[in-house]
Amino acid sequence: MRKSDGGPFKTVSVPPREGITTGFAVSPEAPLVAATGRDWSFVHRGSGEKWSTPLTLGGPPFEDLAFSDARHATFVRGGPGQEFAEVYRTDDAGLSWKPLKV
């Protein structure tokens, strides 16, 4: 939903269908949703009316999705109680993702 100029909120998009949401982050470039379901995790990217899914990985869920500025975001895959933990990063507002070496 979006609110502008003090008016009422208006629905601009429905959430992505795949997965149960585990994280939500917004920048001026795009909103991102991390979701998980049936041993798969997804990052969905939207522009208001439509969603794409630029990343799908099996295994542990994605958590702690957050933007540090308009184009850079990170999330953690796995962690305590999982077989491993990784940090992923995007430099293009969620269009592509790479594991970050830590």
N, C-alpha and C. Protein backbone atom coordinates (compact mmCIF):
# COMPACT_ATOMS: atom_id res chain seq x y z
N MET A 1 0.85 -1.17 0.00
CA MET A 1 0.00 0.00 0.00
C MET A 1 0.89 1.23 0.00
N ARG A 2 0.41 2.29 -0.58
CA ARG A 2 1.18 3.54 -0.67
C ARG A 2 0.29 4.70 -0.26
N LYS A 3 0.91 5.66 0.43
CA LYS A 3 0.20 6.86 0.83
C LYS A 3 0.98 8.04 0.29
N SER A 4 0.29 9.00 -0.30
CA SER A 4 0.98 10.18 -0.80
C SER A 4 0.19 11.43 -0.47
N ASP A 5 0.88 12.51 -0.25
CA ASP A 5 0.29 13.82 -0.01
C ASP A 5 -0.78 13.83 1.08
N GLY A 6 -0.59 13.04 2.13
CA GLY A 6 -1.52 13.05 3.24
C GLY A 6 -2.85 12.39 2.96
N GLY A 7 -3.03 11.82 1.77
CA GLY A 7 -4.28 11.15 1.43
C GLY A 7 -4.35 9.75 2.00
N PRO A 8 -5.40 9.03 1.66
CA PRO A 8 -5.55 7.67 2.17
C PRO A 8 -4.56 6.70 1.50
N PHE A 9 -4.31 5.57 2.16
CA PHE A 9 -3.47 4.53 1.57
C PHE A 9 -4.20 3.92 0.38
N LYS A 10 -3.42 3.57 -0.67
CA LYS A 10 -3.97 2.90 -1.85
C LYS A 10 -3.17 1.63 -2.09
N THR A 11 -3.85 0.55 -2.46
CA THR A 11 -3.17 -0.70 -2.79
C THR A 11 -2.54 -0.56 -4.17
N VAL A 12 -1.22 -0.82 -4.26
CA VAL A 12 -0.52 -0.72 -5.54
C VAL A 12 -0.03 -2.07 -6.03
N SER A 13 -0.07 -3.09 -5.18
CA SER A 13 0.40 -4.40 -5.59
C SER A 13 -0.10 -5.46 -4.63
N VAL A 14 -0.22 -6.67 -5.13
CA VAL A 14 -0.49 -7.81 -4.26
C VAL A 14 0.84 -8.51 -4.01
N PRO A 15 0.99 -9.18 -2.88
CA PRO A 15 2.27 -9.82 -2.59
C PRO A 15 2.55 -10.98 -3.53
N PRO A 16 3.83 -11.36 -3.66
CA PRO A 16 4.17 -12.51 -4.49
C PRO A 16 3.53 -13.78 -3.93
N ARG A 17 3.23 -14.73 -4.78
CA ARG A 17 2.54 -15.95 -4.37
C ARG A 17 3.47 -17.00 -3.78
N GLU A 18 4.72 -17.06 -4.22
CA GLU A 18 5.61 -18.13 -3.80
C GLU A 18 6.18 -17.87 -2.43
N GLY A 19 5.96 -18.80 -1.50
CA GLY A 19 6.59 -18.76 -0.19
C GLY A 19 5.86 -17.94 0.85
N ILE A 20 6.31 -18.12 2.08
CA ILE A 20 5.83 -17.36 3.23
C ILE A 20 6.87 -16.28 3.51
N THR A 21 6.46 -15.06 3.60
CA THR A 21 7.39 -13.93 3.74
C THR A 21 8.23 -14.04 5.01
N THR A 22 9.55 -13.93 4.84
CA THR A 22 10.48 -13.92 5.98
C THR A 22 11.21 -12.59 6.09
N GLY A 23 11.05 -11.72 5.10
CA GLY A 23 11.69 -10.41 5.15
C GLY A 23 11.12 -9.50 4.09
N PHE A 24 11.16 -8.19 4.35
CA PHE A 24 10.65 -7.19 3.42
C PHE A 24 11.56 -5.98 3.52
N ALA A 25 12.02 -5.46 2.38
CA ALA A 25 12.88 -4.28 2.38
C ALA A 25 12.49 -3.40 1.19
N VAL A 26 12.58 -2.09 1.38
CA VAL A 26 12.19 -1.15 0.34
C VAL A 26 13.28 -0.10 0.16
N SER A 27 13.57 0.21 -1.09
CA SER A 27 14.44 1.34 -1.42
C SER A 27 13.74 2.13 -2.52
N PRO A 28 14.25 3.30 -2.90
CA PRO A 28 13.66 4.03 -4.02
C PRO A 28 13.73 3.26 -5.33
N GLU A 29 14.64 2.28 -5.42
CA GLU A 29 14.79 1.48 -6.64
C GLU A 29 13.72 0.40 -6.76
N ALA A 30 13.40 -0.30 -5.66
CA ALA A 30 12.44 -1.40 -5.72
C ALA A 30 12.17 -1.97 -4.34
N PRO A 31 10.97 -2.51 -4.14
CA PRO A 31 10.75 -3.31 -2.93
C PRO A 31 11.24 -4.74 -3.16
N LEU A 32 11.75 -5.37 -2.10
CA LEU A 32 12.18 -6.76 -2.14
C LEU A 32 11.44 -7.54 -1.06
N VAL A 33 11.15 -8.81 -1.35
CA VAL A 33 10.53 -9.71 -0.38
C VAL A 33 11.35 -10.99 -0.35
N ALA A 34 11.77 -11.41 0.84
CA ALA A 34 12.38 -12.73 1.02
C ALA A 34 11.27 -13.65 1.50
N ALA A 35 11.22 -14.86 0.94
CA ALA A 35 10.17 -15.81 1.31
C ALA A 35 10.74 -17.22 1.30
N THR A 36 10.08 -18.12 2.00
CA THR A 36 10.51 -19.51 2.03
C THR A 36 9.30 -20.42 1.99
N GLY A 37 9.50 -21.61 1.43
CA GLY A 37 8.43 -22.59 1.39
C GLY A 37 8.88 -23.88 0.76
N ARG A 38 8.53 -25.02 1.36
CA ARG A 38 8.84 -26.35 0.83
C ARG A 38 10.32 -26.53 0.50
N ASP A 39 11.18 -26.16 1.43
CA ASP A 39 12.64 -26.31 1.30
C ASP A 39 13.26 -25.43 0.20
N TRP A 40 12.57 -24.40 -0.21
CA TRP A 40 13.10 -23.43 -1.17
C TRP A 40 12.95 -22.04 -0.59
N SER A 41 13.87 -21.14 -0.96
CA SER A 41 13.76 -19.74 -0.56
C SER A 41 13.83 -18.87 -1.81
N PHE A 42 13.18 -17.73 -1.74
CA PHE A 42 13.04 -16.85 -2.89
C PHE A 42 13.34 -15.40 -2.49
N VAL A 43 13.88 -14.63 -3.42
CA VAL A 43 13.87 -13.17 -3.31
C VAL A 43 13.00 -12.69 -4.46
N HIS A 44 11.92 -12.01 -4.12
CA HIS A 44 11.02 -11.42 -5.10
C HIS A 44 11.33 -9.93 -5.19
N ARG A 45 11.26 -9.38 -6.40
CA ARG A 45 11.53 -7.96 -6.62
C ARG A 45 10.33 -7.37 -7.34
N GLY A 46 9.86 -6.22 -6.88
CA GLY A 46 8.69 -5.62 -7.49
C GLY A 46 8.90 -4.18 -7.87
N SER A 47 8.00 -3.72 -8.72
CA SER A 47 8.03 -2.32 -9.11
C SER A 47 6.69 -1.67 -8.82
N GLY A 48 5.85 -2.33 -8.06
CA GLY A 48 4.54 -1.80 -7.71
C GLY A 48 3.44 -2.74 -8.13
N GLU A 49 3.31 -3.03 -9.43
CA GLU A 49 2.21 -3.87 -9.89
C GLU A 49 2.62 -5.30 -10.17
N LYS A 50 3.87 -5.54 -10.55
CA LYS A 50 4.32 -6.88 -10.91
C LYS A 50 5.54 -7.26 -10.09
N TRP A 51 5.71 -8.58 -9.88
CA TRP A 51 6.85 -9.12 -9.15
C TRP A 51 7.63 -10.07 -10.04
N SER A 52 8.95 -10.05 -9.92
CA SER A 52 9.81 -11.05 -10.55
C SER A 52 10.53 -11.78 -9.41
N THR A 53 11.15 -12.89 -9.73
CA THR A 53 11.87 -13.67 -8.72
C THR A 53 13.30 -13.89 -9.22
N PRO A 54 14.20 -12.94 -8.96
CA PRO A 54 15.56 -13.05 -9.47
C PRO A 54 16.44 -14.08 -8.77
N LEU A 55 16.01 -14.61 -7.61
CA LEU A 55 16.83 -15.61 -6.92
C LEU A 55 15.94 -16.65 -6.25
N THR A 56 16.24 -17.92 -6.51
CA THR A 56 15.60 -19.06 -5.87
C THR A 56 16.68 -20.06 -5.52
N LEU A 57 16.76 -20.46 -4.26
CA LEU A 57 17.75 -21.44 -3.81
C LEU A 57 17.09 -22.44 -2.87
N GLY A 58 17.48 -23.69 -2.99
CA GLY A 58 17.03 -24.71 -2.06
C GLY A 58 17.82 -24.62 -0.77
N GLY A 59 17.31 -25.24 0.28
CA GLY A 59 18.03 -25.26 1.54
C GLY A 59 17.50 -24.27 2.54
N PRO A 60 18.38 -23.76 3.41
CA PRO A 60 17.94 -22.90 4.51
C PRO A 60 17.24 -21.63 4.04
N PRO A 61 16.36 -21.09 4.88
CA PRO A 61 15.63 -19.88 4.53
C PRO A 61 16.50 -18.62 4.53
N PHE A 62 15.99 -17.60 3.85
CA PHE A 62 16.64 -16.28 3.82
C PHE A 62 16.07 -15.45 4.96
N GLU A 63 16.95 -14.78 5.69
CA GLU A 63 16.54 -13.94 6.83
C GLU A 63 17.27 -12.60 6.77
N ASP A 64 16.79 -11.63 7.52
CA ASP A 64 17.45 -10.33 7.72
C ASP A 64 17.68 -9.57 6.42
N LEU A 65 16.72 -9.58 5.52
CA LEU A 65 16.81 -8.82 4.28
C LEU A 65 16.78 -7.33 4.61
N ALA A 66 17.75 -6.57 4.10
CA ALA A 66 17.81 -5.13 4.39
C ALA A 66 18.62 -4.40 3.33
N PHE A 67 18.20 -3.18 3.00
CA PHE A 67 18.97 -2.28 2.14
C PHE A 67 19.90 -1.44 2.99
N SER A 68 21.12 -1.20 2.51
CA SER A 68 22.02 -0.25 3.16
C SER A 68 21.98 1.10 2.43
N ASP A 69 21.60 1.10 1.18
CA ASP A 69 21.31 2.30 0.39
C ASP A 69 20.38 1.88 -0.74
N ALA A 70 20.11 2.75 -1.69
CA ALA A 70 19.09 2.46 -2.71
C ALA A 70 19.40 1.23 -3.56
N ARG A 71 20.67 0.86 -3.74
CA ARG A 71 21.03 -0.24 -4.63
C ARG A 71 21.65 -1.46 -3.94
N HIS A 72 22.08 -1.32 -2.70
CA HIS A 72 22.78 -2.40 -2.01
C HIS A 72 21.92 -3.00 -0.90
N ALA A 73 21.76 -4.33 -0.97
CA ALA A 73 20.99 -5.04 0.05
C ALA A 73 21.70 -6.35 0.37
N THR A 74 21.40 -6.90 1.53
CA THR A 74 21.97 -8.17 1.95
C THR A 74 20.89 -9.02 2.62
N PHE A 75 21.15 -10.31 2.69
CA PHE A 75 20.36 -11.21 3.52
C PHE A 75 21.26 -12.34 3.99
N VAL A 76 20.85 -13.03 5.02
CA VAL A 76 21.56 -14.19 5.55
C VAL A 76 20.79 -15.44 5.14
N ARG A 77 21.51 -16.42 4.65
CA ARG A 77 20.92 -17.72 4.32
C ARG A 77 21.46 -18.73 5.32
N GLY A 78 20.57 -19.37 6.07
CA GLY A 78 21.00 -20.34 7.07
C GLY A 78 21.30 -19.67 8.39
N GLY A 79 22.16 -20.30 9.18
CA GLY A 79 22.53 -19.75 10.48
C GLY A 79 22.38 -20.78 11.57
N PRO A 80 22.18 -20.36 12.80
CA PRO A 80 22.08 -21.29 13.93
C PRO A 80 21.02 -22.37 13.67
N GLY A 81 21.40 -23.61 13.93
CA GLY A 81 20.49 -24.72 13.71
C GLY A 81 20.44 -25.21 12.28
N GLN A 82 21.15 -24.56 11.38
CA GLN A 82 21.20 -24.96 9.97
C GLN A 82 22.56 -25.57 9.68
N GLU A 83 22.71 -26.20 8.52
CA GLU A 83 23.99 -26.83 8.18
C GLU A 83 25.09 -25.83 7.81
N PHE A 84 24.73 -24.58 7.51
CA PHE A 84 25.72 -23.56 7.17
C PHE A 84 25.05 -22.18 7.25
N ALA A 85 25.87 -21.15 7.09
CA ALA A 85 25.36 -19.78 7.01
C ALA A 85 26.13 -19.05 5.92
N GLU A 86 25.42 -18.25 5.14
CA GLU A 86 26.03 -17.43 4.09
C GLU A 86 25.38 -16.06 4.10
N VAL A 87 26.14 -15.06 3.64
CA VAL A 87 25.60 -13.72 3.43
C VAL A 87 25.59 -13.47 1.93
N TYR A 88 24.46 -13.01 1.41
CA TYR A 88 24.33 -12.65 0.00
C TYR A 88 24.16 -11.15 -0.13
N ARG A 89 24.63 -10.59 -1.26
CA ARG A 89 24.57 -9.15 -1.48
C ARG A 89 24.15 -8.85 -2.91
N THR A 90 23.42 -7.78 -3.08
CA THR A 90 23.10 -7.26 -4.40
C THR A 90 23.66 -5.84 -4.53
N ASP A 91 24.14 -5.51 -5.71
CA ASP A 91 24.63 -4.16 -6.01
C ASP A 91 23.70 -3.44 -6.97
N ASP A 92 22.62 -4.10 -7.39
CA ASP A 92 21.72 -3.53 -8.39
C ASP A 92 20.25 -3.60 -7.96
N ALA A 93 20.03 -3.35 -6.68
CA ALA A 93 18.68 -3.28 -6.10
C ALA A 93 17.90 -4.58 -6.27
N GLY A 94 18.61 -5.71 -6.21
CA GLY A 94 17.95 -7.00 -6.19
C GLY A 94 17.81 -7.71 -7.51
N LEU A 95 18.37 -7.16 -8.58
CA LEU A 95 18.31 -7.85 -9.87
C LEU A 95 19.20 -9.08 -9.91
N SER A 96 20.36 -9.00 -9.26
CA SER A 96 21.28 -10.13 -9.19
C SER A 96 21.87 -10.21 -7.79
N TRP A 97 22.26 -11.44 -7.38
CA TRP A 97 22.74 -11.68 -6.02
C TRP A 97 24.00 -12.53 -6.08
N LYS A 98 24.95 -12.25 -5.16
CA LYS A 98 26.19 -13.01 -5.06
C LYS A 98 26.47 -13.30 -3.61
N PRO A 99 27.04 -14.50 -3.32
CA PRO A 99 27.48 -14.74 -1.93
C PRO A 99 28.62 -13.78 -1.58
N LEU A 100 28.60 -13.25 -0.40
CA LEU A 100 29.62 -12.34 0.08
C LEU A 100 30.62 -13.14 0.92
N LYS A 101 31.88 -13.07 0.58
CA LYS A 101 32.88 -13.81 1.34
C LYS A 101 33.15 -13.10 2.65
N VAL A 102 32.93 -13.83 3.75
CA VAL A 102 33.18 -13.26 5.09
C VAL A 102 34.12 -14.18 5.85
